[in-house]
Amino acid sequence: MSYKLEFEEISINAPDNRTISAWWIPNQSNKTLLVLHGLRSQKSDEQTLEYIRAFHELGYSIAAIDFRNHGKSGSGDFTFGIDEINDVYVTLDYLYEFKNVTKVGIWGFSYGATTAVFSGTSNNSNPTTAVEIVGIFSDTPYYSLLDMLTTQVARRTPLTLFMADLLKPGILLMTQLLYGFDFNAVEQQYLSGKAIDIPTVVVGCTNDATVPLAQTISVHRILGDKAKFLEFENCNAHGDAYESDPVRYKTELNNHFDQLFAH
């Protein structure tokens, strides 16, 4: 498919001497969406390009980035969305300084969806950027990496979920030794934060085997009253919420952000 998108390619210097690769795709409005891709993806992947095209056709200016360790961006600590919020903030600072962007909505998928939520909760009472985050549209964020992993073990091996859960202490030890990352850290990040102050839509996919619906429901519940939950019942695989009902998806996204940018 040809997307025929004209974009400005940008290299943003992060404070820790990394670079964040970004695209800027302007539009005839003051509404800007920051697009955050999923794990092992990048802004130029076909699925991400389809989102970018669809959102641009709705009238939004688009800023899309490659996270650290992805695409054309530099390397950095990989923390499943915890430290990656700094990739978001440095991008917002750039947009404020060079593109005169003062308000932005954030859309993210999976890894990007979780990062979007953490960008919002971390920005609650102590904004780290001059750009106002008016709203978030979080498509299938995850809540517990450990529960996701043991669920996959139970799906792919003869072990029951109860037996897979017994492996959790060993999994935590091995991931800490091999990767230097605590697989409980994402859940702890949710638990240590307050309810989100930014209007947020959390999207769940009914038959998602990668990020099960229970994960997205947990994210929605912990975010509090400013969060709305949308379930796409005909979604049968991770990343298929949009494809399962693109009209509803775009309508919900547009309704969410339209009123927020109007204020």
C-alpha atoms as a PDB file:
ATOM      1  CA  MET A   1       0.000   0.000   0.000  1.00  0.00           C
ATOM      2  CA  SER A   2       1.233   3.500  -0.822  1.00  0.00           C
ATOM      3  CA  TYR A   3       0.675   5.964   2.011  1.00  0.00           C
ATOM      4  CA  LYS A   4       1.861   9.100   0.163  1.00  0.00           C
ATOM      5  CA  LEU A   5       2.794  10.919   3.355  1.00  0.00           C
ATOM      6  CA  GLU A   6       5.115  13.885   3.120  1.00  0.00           C
ATOM      7  CA  PHE A   7       7.166  14.165   6.275  1.00  0.00           C
ATOM      8  CA  GLU A   8      10.115  16.022   7.705  1.00  0.00           C
ATOM      9  CA  GLU A   9      12.736  13.663   9.118  1.00  0.00           C
ATOM     10  CA  ILE A  10      14.098  14.910  12.433  1.00  0.00           C
ATOM     11  CA  SER A  11      16.894  13.798  14.746  1.00  0.00           C
ATOM     12  CA  ILE A  12      16.270  14.964  18.314  1.00  0.00           C
ATOM     13  CA  ASN A  13      19.183  15.153  20.734  1.00  0.00           C
ATOM     14  CA  ALA A  14      18.367  13.653  24.127  1.00  0.00           C
ATOM     15  CA  PRO A  15      20.179  14.849  27.283  1.00  0.00           C
ATOM     16  CA  ASP A  16      22.065  11.539  27.660  1.00  0.00           C
ATOM     17  CA  ASN A  17      23.733  11.911  24.232  1.00  0.00           C
ATOM     18  CA  ARG A  18      21.202   9.673  22.498  1.00  0.00           C
ATOM     19  CA  THR A  19      19.222  10.647  19.438  1.00  0.00           C
ATOM     20  CA  ILE A  20      15.517  10.111  18.879  1.00  0.00           C
ATOM     21  CA  SER A  21      14.478   9.688  15.265  1.00  0.00           C
ATOM     22  CA  ALA A  22      11.185  11.420  14.519  1.00  0.00           C
ATOM     23  CA  TRP A  23       8.873  12.411  11.711  1.00  0.00           C
ATOM     24  CA  TRP A  24       6.862  15.610  11.559  1.00  0.00           C
ATOM     25  CA  ILE A  25       3.778  15.555   9.316  1.00  0.00           C
ATOM     26  CA  PRO A  26       1.931  18.881   9.560  1.00  0.00           C
ATOM     27  CA  ASN A  27      -1.746  19.442   8.868  1.00  0.00           C
ATOM     28  CA  GLN A  28      -4.150  22.373   8.545  1.00  0.00           C
ATOM     29  CA  SER A  29      -5.126  22.421  12.222  1.00  0.00           C
ATOM     30  CA  ASN A  30      -3.675  23.094  15.643  1.00  0.00           C
ATOM     31  CA  LYS A  31      -4.310  19.501  16.759  1.00  0.00           C
ATOM     32  CA  THR A  32      -1.164  17.384  17.103  1.00  0.00           C
ATOM     33  CA  LEU A  33      -0.933  13.671  17.894  1.00  0.00           C
ATOM     34  CA  LEU A  34       2.250  11.986  19.079  1.00  0.00           C
ATOM     35  CA  VAL A  35       2.286   8.413  17.736  1.00  0.00           C
ATOM     36  CA  LEU A  36       4.097   5.754  19.808  1.00  0.00           C
ATOM     37  CA  HIS A  37       4.733   2.361  18.183  1.00  0.00           C
ATOM     38  CA  GLY A  38       4.750  -1.082  19.774  1.00  0.00           C
ATOM     39  CA  LEU A  39       7.586  -3.381  20.833  1.00  0.00           C
ATOM     40  CA  ARG A  40      10.011  -4.515  18.096  1.00  0.00           C
ATOM     41  CA  SER A  41       8.359  -2.055  15.742  1.00  0.00           C
ATOM     42  CA  GLN A  42       9.149   1.422  14.424  1.00  0.00           C
ATOM     43  CA  LYS A  43       7.406   4.415  12.901  1.00  0.00           C
ATOM     44  CA  SER A  44       7.954   3.128   9.352  1.00  0.00           C
ATOM     45  CA  ASP A  45       6.322  -0.285   9.902  1.00  0.00           C
ATOM     46  CA  GLU A  46       3.236  -0.860   7.767  1.00  0.00           C
ATOM     47  CA  GLN A  47       0.854  -1.105  10.729  1.00  0.00           C
ATOM     48  CA  THR A  48       2.173   2.124  12.262  1.00  0.00           C
ATOM     49  CA  LEU A  49       2.001   3.847   8.884  1.00  0.00           C
ATOM     50  CA  GLU A  50      -1.659   2.877   8.588  1.00  0.00           C
ATOM     51  CA  TYR A  51      -2.399   4.548  11.938  1.00  0.00           C
ATOM     52  CA  ILE A  52      -0.420   7.635  10.919  1.00  0.00           C
ATOM     53  CA  ARG A  53      -2.299   7.878   7.611  1.00  0.00           C
ATOM     54  CA  ALA A  54      -5.694   7.435   9.280  1.00  0.00           C
ATOM     55  CA  PHE A  55      -5.027  10.013  11.993  1.00  0.00           C
ATOM     56  CA  HIS A  56      -3.587  12.493   9.501  1.00  0.00           C
ATOM     57  CA  GLU A  57      -6.720  12.130   7.359  1.00  0.00           C
ATOM     58  CA  LEU A  58      -8.754  13.031  10.454  1.00  0.00           C
ATOM     59  CA  GLY A  59      -6.969  16.382  10.438  1.00  0.00           C
ATOM     60  CA  TYR A  60      -4.203  15.896  12.995  1.00  0.00           C
ATOM     61  CA  SER A  61      -0.626  16.993  12.609  1.00  0.00           C
ATOM     62  CA  ILE A  62       1.486  13.939  13.408  1.00  0.00           C
ATOM     63  CA  ALA A  63       4.723  13.544  15.302  1.00  0.00           C
ATOM     64  CA  ALA A  64       5.948   9.938  15.214  1.00  0.00           C
ATOM     65  CA  ILE A  65       9.092   8.637  16.894  1.00  0.00           C
ATOM     66  CA  ASP A  66      11.252   5.555  17.056  1.00  0.00           C
ATOM     67  CA  PHE A  67      11.786   4.631  20.696  1.00  0.00           C
ATOM     68  CA  ARG A  68      15.304   4.027  21.975  1.00  0.00           C
ATOM     69  CA  ASN A  69      16.694   0.723  20.634  1.00  0.00           C
ATOM     70  CA  HIS A  70      14.180   0.820  17.768  1.00  0.00           C
ATOM     71  CA  GLY A  71      14.319   1.995  14.168  1.00  0.00           C
ATOM     72  CA  LYS A  72      16.754   4.846  13.585  1.00  0.00           C
ATOM     73  CA  SER A  73      16.970   5.994  17.205  1.00  0.00           C
ATOM     74  CA  GLY A  74      20.010   5.477  19.398  1.00  0.00           C
ATOM     75  CA  SER A  75      20.441   2.844  22.085  1.00  0.00           C
ATOM     76  CA  GLY A  76      19.408   3.242  25.710  1.00  0.00           C
ATOM     77  CA  ASP A  77      17.995   1.447  28.734  1.00  0.00           C
ATOM     78  CA  PHE A  78      15.076  -0.787  27.787  1.00  0.00           C
ATOM     79  CA  THR A  79      12.469  -0.687  30.555  1.00  0.00           C
ATOM     80  CA  PHE A  80       9.125  -1.570  28.899  1.00  0.00           C
ATOM     81  CA  GLY A  81       7.873   2.022  29.129  1.00  0.00           C
ATOM     82  CA  ILE A  82       9.201   3.250  32.476  1.00  0.00           C
ATOM     83  CA  ASP A  83      12.259   5.241  31.369  1.00  0.00           C
ATOM     84  CA  GLU A  84      10.957   5.546  27.811  1.00  0.00           C
ATOM     85  CA  ILE A  85       8.754   8.411  29.008  1.00  0.00           C
ATOM     86  CA  ASN A  86      11.902  10.521  28.615  1.00  0.00           C
ATOM     87  CA  ASP A  87      11.835   9.778  24.868  1.00  0.00           C
ATOM     88  CA  VAL A  88       8.337  11.267  24.916  1.00  0.00           C
ATOM     89  CA  TYR A  89       9.279  14.340  26.939  1.00  0.00           C
ATOM     90  CA  VAL A  90      12.333  15.216  24.836  1.00  0.00           C
ATOM     91  CA  THR A  91      10.125  14.981  21.736  1.00  0.00           C
ATOM     92  CA  LEU A  92       7.520  17.280  23.265  1.00  0.00           C
ATOM     93  CA  ASP A  93      10.231  19.783  24.164  1.00  0.00           C
ATOM     94  CA  TYR A  94      11.398  19.736  20.543  1.00  0.00           C
ATOM     95  CA  LEU A  95       7.865  20.260  19.239  1.00  0.00           C
ATOM     96  CA  TYR A  96       7.390  23.205  21.582  1.00  0.00           C
ATOM     97  CA  GLU A  97      10.668  24.870  20.641  1.00  0.00           C
ATOM     98  CA  PHE A  98      10.753  24.252  16.898  1.00  0.00           C
ATOM     99  CA  LYS A  99       7.146  23.570  15.783  1.00  0.00           C
ATOM    100  CA  ASN A 100       5.240  25.932  18.116  1.00  0.00           C
ATOM    101  CA  VAL A 101       3.207  23.023  19.505  1.00  0.00           C
ATOM    102  CA  THR A 102       1.648  23.902  22.869  1.00  0.00           C
ATOM    103  CA  LYS A 103      -0.925  21.092  23.137  1.00  0.00           C
ATOM    104  CA  VAL A 104      -0.622  17.456  22.154  1.00  0.00           C
ATOM    105  CA  GLY A 105      -2.582  14.237  22.341  1.00  0.00           C
ATOM    106  CA  ILE A 106      -0.709  10.956  22.704  1.00  0.00           C
ATOM    107  CA  TRP A 107      -1.677   7.732  20.936  1.00  0.00           C
ATOM    108  CA  GLY A 108       0.228   4.527  21.631  1.00  0.00           C
ATOM    109  CA  PHE A 109      -0.016   0.809  20.959  1.00  0.00           C
ATOM    110  CA  SER A 110       1.067  -1.902  23.448  1.00  0.00           C
ATOM    111  CA  TYR A 111       4.598  -0.857  24.521  1.00  0.00           C
ATOM    112  CA  GLY A 112       3.774   2.618  23.231  1.00  0.00           C
ATOM    113  CA  ALA A 113       0.372   2.508  24.966  1.00  0.00           C
ATOM    114  CA  THR A 114       2.002   1.715  28.309  1.00  0.00           C
ATOM    115  CA  THR A 115       4.602   4.439  27.773  1.00  0.00           C
ATOM    116  CA  ALA A 116       1.808   6.892  26.942  1.00  0.00           C
ATOM    117  CA  VAL A 117       0.042   6.095  30.218  1.00  0.00           C
ATOM    118  CA  PHE A 118       3.249   6.448  32.251  1.00  0.00           C
ATOM    119  CA  SER A 119       3.970   9.739  30.470  1.00  0.00           C
ATOM    120  CA  GLY A 120       0.585  10.927  31.694  1.00  0.00           C
ATOM    121  CA  THR A 121       0.808   9.713  35.287  1.00  0.00           C
ATOM    122  CA  SER A 122       4.356  11.026  35.685  1.00  0.00           C
ATOM    123  CA  ASN A 123       3.202  14.392  34.359  1.00  0.00           C
ATOM    124  CA  ASN A 124       0.269  14.638  36.795  1.00  0.00           C
ATOM    125  CA  SER A 125       1.423  17.077  39.451  1.00  0.00           C
ATOM    126  CA  ASN A 126       4.875  17.971  38.160  1.00  0.00           C
ATOM    127  CA  PRO A 127       4.776  18.711  34.427  1.00  0.00           C
ATOM    128  CA  THR A 128       8.160  18.058  32.864  1.00  0.00           C
ATOM    129  CA  THR A 129       7.420  19.783  29.566  1.00  0.00           C
ATOM    130  CA  ALA A 130       5.914  23.081  28.442  1.00  0.00           C
ATOM    131  CA  VAL A 131       3.566  21.187  26.127  1.00  0.00           C
ATOM    132  CA  GLU A 132       0.173  20.373  27.614  1.00  0.00           C
ATOM    133  CA  ILE A 133      -0.789  16.711  27.202  1.00  0.00           C
ATOM    134  CA  VAL A 134      -4.521  17.146  26.622  1.00  0.00           C
ATOM    135  CA  GLY A 135      -5.413  13.468  26.338  1.00  0.00           C
ATOM    136  CA  ILE A 136      -4.192   9.918  25.806  1.00  0.00           C
ATOM    137  CA  PHE A 137      -5.526   7.084  23.626  1.00  0.00           C
ATOM    138  CA  SER A 138      -3.872   3.902  24.896  1.00  0.00           C
ATOM    139  CA  ASP A 139      -4.407   0.845  22.681  1.00  0.00           C
ATOM    140  CA  THR A 140      -3.874  -2.385  24.685  1.00  0.00           C
ATOM    141  CA  PRO A 141      -1.395  -1.361  27.388  1.00  0.00           C
ATOM    142  CA  TYR A 142      -0.024  -4.125  29.604  1.00  0.00           C
ATOM    143  CA  TYR A 143      -0.175  -4.199  33.399  1.00  0.00           C
ATOM    144  CA  SER A 144       1.970  -7.103  34.624  1.00  0.00           C
ATOM    145  CA  LEU A 145       4.871  -8.457  32.563  1.00  0.00           C
ATOM    146  CA  LEU A 146       5.196 -11.425  34.883  1.00  0.00           C
ATOM    147  CA  ASP A 147       1.556 -12.449  34.507  1.00  0.00           C
ATOM    148  CA  MET A 148       1.806 -12.039  30.731  1.00  0.00           C
ATOM    149  CA  LEU A 149       4.857 -14.282  30.637  1.00  0.00           C
ATOM    150  CA  THR A 150       3.377 -17.056  32.776  1.00  0.00           C
ATOM    151  CA  THR A 151       0.164 -16.921  30.734  1.00  0.00           C
ATOM    152  CA  GLN A 152       2.235 -17.519  27.588  1.00  0.00           C
ATOM    153  CA  VAL A 153       4.048 -20.420  29.279  1.00  0.00           C
ATOM    154  CA  ALA A 154       0.679 -22.003  30.107  1.00  0.00           C
ATOM    155  CA  ARG A 155      -0.555 -21.471  26.531  1.00  0.00           C
ATOM    156  CA  ARG A 156       2.513 -22.889  24.824  1.00  0.00           C
ATOM    157  CA  THR A 157       3.478 -25.779  27.120  1.00  0.00           C
ATOM    158  CA  PRO A 158       1.681 -28.644  28.896  1.00  0.00           C
ATOM    159  CA  LEU A 159       1.874 -26.655  32.168  1.00  0.00           C
ATOM    160  CA  THR A 160      -1.333 -25.329  33.705  1.00  0.00           C
ATOM    161  CA  LEU A 161      -1.517 -21.660  34.673  1.00  0.00           C
ATOM    162  CA  PHE A 162      -1.212 -22.687  38.333  1.00  0.00           C
ATOM    163  CA  MET A 163       1.997 -24.581  37.571  1.00  0.00           C
ATOM    164  CA  ALA A 164       3.326 -21.723  35.433  1.00  0.00           C
ATOM    165  CA  ASP A 165       2.700 -19.296  38.291  1.00  0.00           C
ATOM    166  CA  LEU A 166       4.992 -21.406  40.470  1.00  0.00           C
ATOM    167  CA  LEU A 167       7.828 -20.443  38.118  1.00  0.00           C
ATOM    168  CA  LYS A 168       7.515 -16.734  38.927  1.00  0.00           C
ATOM    169  CA  PRO A 169      10.331 -16.521  41.526  1.00  0.00           C
ATOM    170  CA  GLY A 170      12.748 -18.226  39.131  1.00  0.00           C
ATOM    171  CA  ILE A 171      11.640 -16.039  36.225  1.00  0.00           C
ATOM    172  CA  LEU A 172      12.220 -12.900  38.288  1.00  0.00           C
ATOM    173  CA  LEU A 173      15.696 -14.071  39.276  1.00  0.00           C
ATOM    174  CA  MET A 174      16.738 -15.057  35.756  1.00  0.00           C
ATOM    175  CA  THR A 175      15.434 -11.886  34.084  1.00  0.00           C
ATOM    176  CA  GLN A 176      17.214  -9.780  36.682  1.00  0.00           C
ATOM    177  CA  LEU A 177      20.472 -11.669  36.095  1.00  0.00           C
ATOM    178  CA  LEU A 178      20.221 -11.768  32.300  1.00  0.00           C
ATOM    179  CA  TYR A 179      18.690  -8.379  31.550  1.00  0.00           C
ATOM    180  CA  GLY A 180      19.221  -6.334  34.702  1.00  0.00           C
ATOM    181  CA  PHE A 181      15.514  -5.531  34.797  1.00  0.00           C
ATOM    182  CA  ASP A 182      12.903  -6.373  37.417  1.00  0.00           C
ATOM    183  CA  PHE A 183       9.876  -7.863  35.643  1.00  0.00           C
ATOM    184  CA  ASN A 184       7.700  -6.616  38.512  1.00  0.00           C
ATOM    185  CA  ALA A 185       8.732  -3.025  37.792  1.00  0.00           C
ATOM    186  CA  VAL A 186       5.894  -2.173  35.399  1.00  0.00           C
ATOM    187  CA  GLU A 187       3.191  -3.303  37.827  1.00  0.00           C
ATOM    188  CA  GLN A 188       4.985  -1.496  40.660  1.00  0.00           C
ATOM    189  CA  GLN A 189       5.042   1.659  38.533  1.00  0.00           C
ATOM    190  CA  TYR A 190       1.259   1.517  38.246  1.00  0.00           C
ATOM    191  CA  LEU A 191       0.829   0.827  41.959  1.00  0.00           C
ATOM    192  CA  SER A 192       3.185   3.606  43.042  1.00  0.00           C
ATOM    193  CA  GLY A 193       1.447   6.277  40.975  1.00  0.00           C
ATOM    194  CA  LYS A 194      -1.739   8.208  41.534  1.00  0.00           C
ATOM    195  CA  ALA A 195      -4.846   8.167  39.380  1.00  0.00           C
ATOM    196  CA  ILE A 196      -4.220   9.869  36.077  1.00  0.00           C
ATOM    197  CA  ASP A 197      -5.256  13.533  35.755  1.00  0.00           C
ATOM    198  CA  ILE A 198      -5.303  13.475  31.951  1.00  0.00           C
ATOM    199  CA  PRO A 199      -8.429  12.195  30.132  1.00  0.00           C
ATOM    200  CA  THR A 200      -7.444   8.757  28.868  1.00  0.00           C
ATOM    201  CA  VAL A 201      -9.058   6.087  26.723  1.00  0.00           C
ATOM    202  CA  VAL A 202      -7.866   2.515  27.326  1.00  0.00           C
ATOM    203  CA  VAL A 203      -8.572   0.095  24.472  1.00  0.00           C
ATOM    204  CA  GLY A 204      -8.955  -3.620  25.124  1.00  0.00           C
ATOM    205  CA  CYS A 205      -9.054  -6.447  22.574  1.00  0.00           C
ATOM    206  CA  THR A 206     -11.447  -9.244  23.554  1.00  0.00           C
ATOM    207  CA  ASN A 207      -9.457 -12.188  22.173  1.00  0.00           C
ATOM    208  CA  ASP A 208      -5.935 -10.798  22.504  1.00  0.00           C
ATOM    209  CA  ALA A 209      -3.647 -13.660  23.550  1.00  0.00           C
ATOM    210  CA  THR A 210      -0.523 -11.471  23.850  1.00  0.00           C
ATOM    211  CA  VAL A 211      -1.923  -8.754  26.123  1.00  0.00           C
ATOM    212  CA  PRO A 212      -5.060 -10.434  27.489  1.00  0.00           C
ATOM    213  CA  LEU A 213      -8.154  -8.343  28.115  1.00  0.00           C
ATOM    214  CA  ALA A 214      -7.674  -8.700  31.880  1.00  0.00           C
ATOM    215  CA  GLN A 215      -4.410  -6.756  31.581  1.00  0.00           C
ATOM    216  CA  THR A 216      -6.026  -3.742  29.930  1.00  0.00           C
ATOM    217  CA  ILE A 217      -8.928  -3.857  32.388  1.00  0.00           C
ATOM    218  CA  SER A 218      -6.404  -3.707  35.252  1.00  0.00           C
ATOM    219  CA  VAL A 219      -4.760  -0.654  33.679  1.00  0.00           C
ATOM    220  CA  HIS A 220      -8.125   1.059  33.295  1.00  0.00           C
ATOM    221  CA  ARG A 221      -9.147   0.383  36.884  1.00  0.00           C
ATOM    222  CA  ILE A 222      -5.960   1.730  38.426  1.00  0.00           C
ATOM    223  CA  LEU A 223      -6.028   4.950  36.379  1.00  0.00           C
ATOM    224  CA  GLY A 224      -9.186   6.198  38.073  1.00  0.00           C
ATOM    225  CA  ASP A 225     -12.127   8.347  37.031  1.00  0.00           C
ATOM    226  CA  LYS A 226     -10.389  10.174  34.173  1.00  0.00           C
ATOM    227  CA  ALA A 227      -9.982   6.883  32.280  1.00  0.00           C
ATOM    228  CA  LYS A 228     -12.571   5.368  29.936  1.00  0.00           C
ATOM    229  CA  PHE A 229     -12.506   1.740  28.780  1.00  0.00           C
ATOM    230  CA  LEU A 230     -13.321   0.615  25.238  1.00  0.00           C
ATOM    231  CA  GLU A 231     -13.562  -3.084  24.407  1.00  0.00           C
ATOM    232  CA  PHE A 232     -13.411  -4.216  20.792  1.00  0.00           C
ATOM    233  CA  GLU A 233     -15.342  -7.480  20.901  1.00  0.00           C
ATOM    234  CA  ASN A 234     -14.493  -8.595  17.353  1.00  0.00           C
ATOM    235  CA  CYS A 235     -10.773  -8.134  17.902  1.00  0.00           C
ATOM    236  CA  ASN A 236      -9.102 -11.544  17.659  1.00  0.00           C
ATOM    237  CA  ALA A 237      -5.374 -10.765  17.825  1.00  0.00           C
ATOM    238  CA  HIS A 238      -2.941  -8.311  19.377  1.00  0.00           C
ATOM    239  CA  GLY A 239      -3.047  -5.073  17.422  1.00  0.00           C
ATOM    240  CA  ASP A 240      -6.321  -5.786  15.630  1.00  0.00           C
ATOM    241  CA  ALA A 241      -8.663  -3.430  17.506  1.00  0.00           C
ATOM    242  CA  TYR A 242      -8.445  -0.844  14.728  1.00  0.00           C
ATOM    243  CA  GLU A 243      -8.750  -3.395  11.940  1.00  0.00           C
ATOM    244  CA  SER A 244     -11.745  -5.079  13.603  1.00  0.00           C
ATOM    245  CA  ASP A 245     -13.794  -1.870  13.486  1.00  0.00           C
ATOM    246  CA  PRO A 246     -11.927   1.088  11.949  1.00  0.00           C
ATOM    247  CA  VAL A 247     -14.991   3.343  11.815  1.00  0.00           C
ATOM    248  CA  ARG A 248     -15.700   2.974  15.533  1.00  0.00           C
ATOM    249  CA  TYR A 249     -12.005   3.261  16.389  1.00  0.00           C
ATOM    250  CA  LYS A 250     -11.537   6.519  14.471  1.00  0.00           C
ATOM    251  CA  THR A 251     -14.821   7.935  15.761  1.00  0.00           C
ATOM    252  CA  GLU A 252     -13.895   7.224  19.379  1.00  0.00           C
ATOM    253  CA  LEU A 253     -10.416   8.676  18.937  1.00  0.00           C
ATOM    254  CA  ASN A 254     -11.675  11.784  17.160  1.00  0.00           C
ATOM    255  CA  ASN A 255     -14.455  12.411  19.696  1.00  0.00           C
ATOM    256  CA  HIS A 256     -11.981  12.012  22.550  1.00  0.00           C
ATOM    257  CA  PHE A 257      -9.405  14.455  21.239  1.00  0.00           C
ATOM    258  CA  ASP A 258     -11.703  16.943  19.484  1.00  0.00           C
ATOM    259  CA  GLN A 259     -13.304  18.140  22.692  1.00  0.00           C
ATOM    260  CA  LEU A 260      -9.975  18.228  24.526  1.00  0.00           C
ATOM    261  CA  PHE A 261      -8.234  20.375  21.922  1.00  0.00           C
ATOM    262  CA  ALA A 262     -11.250  22.710  21.888  1.00  0.00           C
ATOM    263  CA  HIS A 263     -10.708  23.733  25.531  1.00  0.00           C
END
